[in-house]
C-alpha atoms as a PDB file:
ATOM      1  CA  MET A   1      -1.844   2.951  20.401  1.00  0.00           C
ATOM      2  CA  ALA A   2       1.089   0.816  21.498  1.00  0.00           C
ATOM      3  CA  ALA A   3       4.662   1.963  21.087  1.00  0.00           C
ATOM      4  CA  VAL A   4       6.344   1.054  17.811  1.00  0.00           C
ATOM      5  CA  PRO A   5       8.309  -2.181  18.385  1.00  0.00           C
ATOM      6  CA  SER A   6      11.973  -2.442  17.460  1.00  0.00           C
ATOM      7  CA  GLN A   7      11.208  -5.059  14.779  1.00  0.00           C
ATOM      8  CA  ALA A   8       9.353  -2.333  12.864  1.00  0.00           C
ATOM      9  CA  GLN A   9      12.685  -1.398  11.263  1.00  0.00           C
ATOM     10  CA  ASN A  10      12.078  -4.281   8.854  1.00  0.00           C
ATOM     11  CA  ILE A  11       9.317  -4.955   6.344  1.00  0.00           C
ATOM     12  CA  ALA A  12       6.986  -7.820   7.289  1.00  0.00           C
ATOM     13  CA  GLN A  13       7.334 -10.673   4.807  1.00  0.00           C
ATOM     14  CA  LEU A  14       4.607 -13.011   3.551  1.00  0.00           C
ATOM     15  CA  GLY A  15       3.989 -15.526   6.326  1.00  0.00           C
ATOM     16  CA  GLU A  16       4.157 -12.955   9.128  1.00  0.00           C
ATOM     17  CA  PRO A  17       0.799 -13.132  10.967  1.00  0.00           C
ATOM     18  CA  VAL A  18       0.448  -9.315  10.976  1.00  0.00           C
ATOM     19  CA  LEU A  19      -0.035  -9.379   7.183  1.00  0.00           C
ATOM     20  CA  ARG A  20      -3.152 -11.530   7.612  1.00  0.00           C
ATOM     21  CA  THR A  21      -4.597  -9.480  10.478  1.00  0.00           C
ATOM     22  CA  ILE A  22      -7.402  -6.950  10.082  1.00  0.00           C
ATOM     23  CA  ALA A  23      -5.850  -3.698  11.269  1.00  0.00           C
ATOM     24  CA  GLU A  24      -7.465  -1.678  14.037  1.00  0.00           C
ATOM     25  CA  ALA A  25      -8.798   1.837  13.511  1.00  0.00           C
ATOM     26  CA  VAL A  26      -6.732   4.722  14.847  1.00  0.00           C
ATOM     27  CA  ASP A  27      -8.611   6.493  17.644  1.00  0.00           C
ATOM     28  CA  ASP A  28      -6.291   9.391  18.476  1.00  0.00           C
ATOM     29  CA  ILE A  29      -4.584  10.790  15.370  1.00  0.00           C
ATOM     30  CA  GLY A  30      -2.933  13.571  17.366  1.00  0.00           C
ATOM     31  CA  SER A  31      -1.309  11.199  19.844  1.00  0.00           C
ATOM     32  CA  GLN A  32       2.456  10.998  20.069  1.00  0.00           C
ATOM     33  CA  ALA A  33       2.340   7.292  19.146  1.00  0.00           C
ATOM     34  CA  CYS A  34       0.271   7.906  16.007  1.00  0.00           C
ATOM     35  CA  GLN A  35       2.434  10.804  14.880  1.00  0.00           C
ATOM     36  CA  ALA A  36       5.572   8.696  15.477  1.00  0.00           C
ATOM     37  CA  LEU A  37       4.060   5.888  13.394  1.00  0.00           C
ATOM     38  CA  ILE A  38       3.294   8.310  10.551  1.00  0.00           C
ATOM     39  CA  LYS A  39       6.839   9.685  10.625  1.00  0.00           C
ATOM     40  CA  GLN A  40       8.307   6.180  10.671  1.00  0.00           C
ATOM     41  CA  MET A  41       6.133   5.095   7.739  1.00  0.00           C
ATOM     42  CA  LEU A  42       7.098   8.123   5.646  1.00  0.00           C
ATOM     43  CA  THR A  43      10.767   7.421   6.365  1.00  0.00           C
ATOM     44  CA  ARG A  44      10.463   3.696   5.524  1.00  0.00           C
ATOM     45  CA  ALA A  45       8.585   4.478   2.297  1.00  0.00           C
ATOM     46  CA  GLU A  46      11.370   6.860   1.276  1.00  0.00           C
ATOM     47  CA  GLU A  47      14.159   4.449   2.275  1.00  0.00           C
ATOM     48  CA  THR A  48      12.633   1.528   0.376  1.00  0.00           C
ATOM     49  CA  GLY A  49      11.356   3.449  -2.647  1.00  0.00           C
ATOM     50  CA  ALA A  50       7.849   2.186  -1.887  1.00  0.00           C
ATOM     51  CA  MET A  51       4.907   3.407  -3.957  1.00  0.00           C
ATOM     52  CA  GLY A  52       2.834   2.747  -0.880  1.00  0.00           C
ATOM     53  CA  LEU A  53       3.233   1.302   2.578  1.00  0.00           C
ATOM     54  CA  ALA A  54       0.689   0.044   5.102  1.00  0.00           C
ATOM     55  CA  ALA A  55       1.291  -0.006   8.860  1.00  0.00           C
ATOM     56  CA  PRO A  56       0.960  -3.834   9.010  1.00  0.00           C
ATOM     57  CA  GLN A  57       4.011  -4.015   6.739  1.00  0.00           C
ATOM     58  CA  ILE A  58       6.078  -2.526   9.567  1.00  0.00           C
ATOM     59  CA  PHE A  59       4.444  -4.848  12.118  1.00  0.00           C
ATOM     60  CA  ILE A  60       1.825  -2.357  13.372  1.00  0.00           C
ATOM     61  CA  ALA A  61      -1.783  -3.524  12.888  1.00  0.00           C
ATOM     62  CA  LYS A  62      -3.264  -0.027  12.585  1.00  0.00           C
ATOM     63  CA  ARG A  63      -5.259   1.487   9.704  1.00  0.00           C
ATOM     64  CA  VAL A  64      -2.625   3.845   8.319  1.00  0.00           C
ATOM     65  CA  ILE A  65      -1.212   3.923   4.789  1.00  0.00           C
ATOM     66  CA  VAL A  66       1.312   6.086   2.973  1.00  0.00           C
ATOM     67  CA  ILE A  67       1.035   6.707  -0.759  1.00  0.00           C
ATOM     68  CA  SER A  68       4.230   8.010  -2.371  1.00  0.00           C
ATOM     69  CA  SER A  69       4.199   7.398  -6.111  1.00  0.00           C
ATOM     70  CA  LYS A  70       7.323   8.341  -8.025  1.00  0.00           C
ATOM     71  CA  PRO A  71       9.206   6.854 -10.965  1.00  0.00           C
ATOM     72  CA  ASN A  72      11.818   4.318  -9.862  1.00  0.00           C
ATOM     73  CA  SER A  73      13.446   1.102 -11.075  1.00  0.00           C
ATOM     74  CA  ARG A  74      10.437  -0.992 -10.004  1.00  0.00           C
ATOM     75  CA  TYR A  75       7.855   1.372 -11.575  1.00  0.00           C
ATOM     76  CA  PRO A  76       9.606   3.595 -14.135  1.00  0.00           C
ATOM     77  CA  THR A  77       6.375   5.156 -15.460  1.00  0.00           C
ATOM     78  CA  ALA A  78       4.803   5.899 -12.069  1.00  0.00           C
ATOM     79  CA  PRO A  79       3.453   9.447 -11.656  1.00  0.00           C
ATOM     80  CA  LEU A  80       5.320  11.791  -9.326  1.00  0.00           C
ATOM     81  CA  MET A  81       3.332  12.910  -6.281  1.00  0.00           C
ATOM     82  CA  THR A  82       3.966  14.344  -2.851  1.00  0.00           C
ATOM     83  CA  PRO A  83       3.778  11.561  -0.217  1.00  0.00           C
ATOM     84  CA  MET A  84       0.321  11.362   1.329  1.00  0.00           C
ATOM     85  CA  VAL A  85      -0.866   9.761   4.583  1.00  0.00           C
ATOM     86  CA  MET A  86      -4.326   8.206   4.882  1.00  0.00           C
ATOM     87  CA  ILE A  87      -5.633   7.265   8.319  1.00  0.00           C
ATOM     88  CA  ASN A  88      -8.645   4.944   8.634  1.00  0.00           C
ATOM     89  CA  PRO A  89      -9.187   4.961   4.844  1.00  0.00           C
ATOM     90  CA  THR A  90     -12.277   3.442   3.278  1.00  0.00           C
ATOM     91  CA  ILE A  91     -13.190   3.026  -0.358  1.00  0.00           C
ATOM     92  CA  ASP A  92     -16.700   4.421  -0.720  1.00  0.00           C
ATOM     93  CA  GLU A  93     -17.146   3.694  -4.406  1.00  0.00           C
ATOM     94  CA  TRP A  94     -15.373   1.635  -7.050  1.00  0.00           C
ATOM     95  CA  SER A  95     -15.788   2.288 -10.760  1.00  0.00           C
ATOM     96  CA  SER A  96     -17.170  -0.559 -12.827  1.00  0.00           C
ATOM     97  CA  ASP A  97     -14.333   0.154 -15.276  1.00  0.00           C
ATOM     98  CA  LYS A  98     -11.506  -2.195 -14.296  1.00  0.00           C
ATOM     99  CA  ASN A  99      -8.089  -2.932 -15.678  1.00  0.00           C
ATOM    100  CA  TRP A 100      -5.322  -5.460 -15.270  1.00  0.00           C
ATOM    101  CA  ASP A 101      -1.779  -4.386 -14.484  1.00  0.00           C
ATOM    102  CA  TRP A 102       1.365  -5.670 -12.827  1.00  0.00           C
ATOM    103  CA  GLU A 103       1.841  -5.287  -9.077  1.00  0.00           C
ATOM    104  CA  GLY A 104       4.641  -6.077  -6.690  1.00  0.00           C
ATOM    105  CA  CYS A 105       5.025  -5.715  -2.944  1.00  0.00           C
ATOM    106  CA  LEU A 106       7.853  -5.154  -0.490  1.00  0.00           C
ATOM    107  CA  SER A 107       6.298  -7.900   1.654  1.00  0.00           C
ATOM    108  CA  ILE A 108       6.557 -10.403  -1.206  1.00  0.00           C
ATOM    109  CA  PRO A 109       9.928  -9.621  -2.795  1.00  0.00           C
ATOM    110  CA  GLY A 110      10.867 -11.122  -6.125  1.00  0.00           C
ATOM    111  CA  ILE A 111       7.259 -11.731  -7.238  1.00  0.00           C
ATOM    112  CA  ARG A 112       4.973  -9.825  -9.615  1.00  0.00           C
ATOM    113  CA  ALA A 113       1.392 -10.558 -10.608  1.00  0.00           C
ATOM    114  CA  GLN A 114      -1.239  -9.150 -12.884  1.00  0.00           C
ATOM    115  CA  VAL A 115      -4.153  -7.965 -10.749  1.00  0.00           C
ATOM    116  CA  GLU A 116      -7.513  -6.571 -11.805  1.00  0.00           C
ATOM    117  CA  ARG A 117      -8.472  -3.352  -9.998  1.00  0.00           C
ATOM    118  CA  SER A 118     -11.044  -0.588 -10.414  1.00  0.00           C
ATOM    119  CA  SER A 119      -9.647   2.249 -12.497  1.00  0.00           C
ATOM    120  CA  GLU A 120     -11.304   4.921 -10.285  1.00  0.00           C
ATOM    121  CA  ILE A 121     -12.192   4.943  -6.597  1.00  0.00           C
ATOM    122  CA  ASP A 122     -13.707   7.379  -4.120  1.00  0.00           C
ATOM    123  CA  VAL A 123     -11.854   7.289  -0.798  1.00  0.00           C
ATOM    124  CA  SER A 124     -12.663   8.757   2.636  1.00  0.00           C
ATOM    125  CA  PHE A 125      -9.864   9.100   5.179  1.00  0.00           C
ATOM    126  CA  TYR A 126      -8.365  11.326   7.849  1.00  0.00           C
ATOM    127  CA  ASP A 127      -5.214  13.319   7.169  1.00  0.00           C
ATOM    128  CA  VAL A 128      -2.337  13.796   9.636  1.00  0.00           C
ATOM    129  CA  GLU A 129      -4.147  16.727  11.277  1.00  0.00           C
ATOM    130  CA  GLY A 130      -7.255  14.606  11.856  1.00  0.00           C
ATOM    131  CA  GLU A 131      -9.306  16.341   9.163  1.00  0.00           C
ATOM    132  CA  ARG A 132     -11.787  14.191   7.231  1.00  0.00           C
ATOM    133  CA  GLN A 133     -11.020  14.038   3.499  1.00  0.00           C
ATOM    134  CA  GLN A 134     -12.914  12.623   0.542  1.00  0.00           C
ATOM    135  CA  GLN A 135     -11.145  12.274  -2.785  1.00  0.00           C
ATOM    136  CA  ARG A 136     -11.471  10.532  -6.122  1.00  0.00           C
ATOM    137  CA  TYR A 137      -8.374   8.767  -7.432  1.00  0.00           C
ATOM    138  CA  GLN A 138      -7.745   7.117 -10.752  1.00  0.00           C
ATOM    139  CA  GLY A 139      -5.180   5.098 -12.645  1.00  0.00           C
ATOM    140  CA  PHE A 140      -1.938   4.070 -10.998  1.00  0.00           C
ATOM    141  CA  VAL A 141      -2.610   5.985  -7.756  1.00  0.00           C
ATOM    142  CA  ALA A 142      -6.029   4.305  -7.397  1.00  0.00           C
ATOM    143  CA  ARG A 143      -4.266   0.948  -7.827  1.00  0.00           C
ATOM    144  CA  ILE A 144      -1.731   1.779  -5.091  1.00  0.00           C
ATOM    145  CA  ILE A 145      -4.493   2.820  -2.674  1.00  0.00           C
ATOM    146  CA  GLN A 146      -6.476  -0.380  -3.311  1.00  0.00           C
ATOM    147  CA  HIS A 147      -3.308  -2.458  -2.785  1.00  0.00           C
ATOM    148  CA  GLU A 148      -2.484  -0.704   0.505  1.00  0.00           C
ATOM    149  CA  ILE A 149      -6.041  -0.831   1.869  1.00  0.00           C
ATOM    150  CA  ASP A 150      -5.971  -4.570   1.130  1.00  0.00           C
ATOM    151  CA  HIS A 151      -3.027  -4.791   3.566  1.00  0.00           C
ATOM    152  CA  LEU A 152      -5.235  -3.216   6.241  1.00  0.00           C
ATOM    153  CA  ASP A 153      -7.763  -5.992   5.673  1.00  0.00           C
ATOM    154  CA  GLY A 154      -5.257  -8.864   5.824  1.00  0.00           C
ATOM    155  CA  THR A 155      -5.150  -9.343   2.049  1.00  0.00           C
ATOM    156  CA  VAL A 156      -2.084  -9.386  -0.202  1.00  0.00           C
ATOM    157  CA  PHE A 157      -2.057  -8.793  -3.947  1.00  0.00           C
ATOM    158  CA  ILE A 158      -1.504 -12.442  -4.902  1.00  0.00           C
ATOM    159  CA  ASP A 159      -4.841 -13.238  -3.206  1.00  0.00           C
ATOM    160  CA  ARG A 160      -6.534 -11.136  -5.909  1.00  0.00           C
ATOM    161  CA  THR A 161      -5.355 -13.093  -8.939  1.00  0.00           C
ATOM    162  CA  ASP A 162      -5.040 -16.544 -10.442  1.00  0.00           C
ATOM    163  CA  SER A 163      -1.720 -18.295  -9.837  1.00  0.00           C
ATOM    164  CA  ARG A 164      -1.134 -18.312 -13.619  1.00  0.00           C
ATOM    165  CA  ASN A 165      -0.769 -14.498 -13.417  1.00  0.00           C
ATOM    166  CA  ILE A 166       2.125 -14.679 -10.930  1.00  0.00           C
ATOM    167  CA  VAL A 167       5.735 -14.509 -12.131  1.00  0.00           C
ATOM    168  CA  THR A 168       9.172 -13.904 -10.692  1.00  0.00           C
ATOM    169  CA  GLU A 169      10.640 -10.411 -10.825  1.00  0.00           C
ATOM    170  CA  GLN A 170      13.226 -11.725 -13.310  1.00  0.00           C
ATOM    171  CA  GLN A 171      10.504 -13.019 -15.665  1.00  0.00           C
ATOM    172  CA  TRP A 172       8.572  -9.754 -15.314  1.00  0.00           C
ATOM    173  CA  ARG A 173      11.659  -7.718 -16.275  1.00  0.00           C
ATOM    174  CA  GLN A 174      12.259 -10.040 -19.242  1.00  0.00           C
ATOM    175  CA  ARG A 175       8.674  -9.507 -20.421  1.00  0.00           C
ATOM    176  CA  LEU A 176       9.179  -5.744 -20.249  1.00  0.00           C
ATOM    177  CA  THR A 177      12.285  -5.885 -22.406  1.00  0.00           C
ATOM    178  CA  ASP A 178      10.611  -8.243 -24.899  1.00  0.00           C
ATOM    179  CA  ASN A 179       7.754  -5.771 -25.489  1.00  0.00           C
END
């Protein structure tokens, strides 16, 4: 794994080639470079208030995501959870039950879109110690995981919806106050 570049202090914005790149699998989870990447991602997720963060968003095309759901101004009803790292995650099964909900992304600031996602997923991944895990996730956390794994495959949330479902952050906030 290459050293983390200095530009990784920023979040990659839509148009950066790394966001459209299929990320490479991590081969050596215990390596200093991988552990440094994990630490950097956890820090960036905390600093930005991210619900999730994928390594390509900090300019590293590796298959690592951080899930850190907590209520904040962008997602006031988000469940509170301890931040979790998933290395080389794969979705093994998607429920046929799907739902639409609003999503946003640090890589596409100022935009929200309604996106249809499976309400439950079964995920396999490695944890920070290199142990294989298999878990079922549902609801908001399942949505975050699907969103972040999309980043590993070069997909962003607006690719998953019709352009009529995309609004500005200002319009989204207005819709929330109107309801």
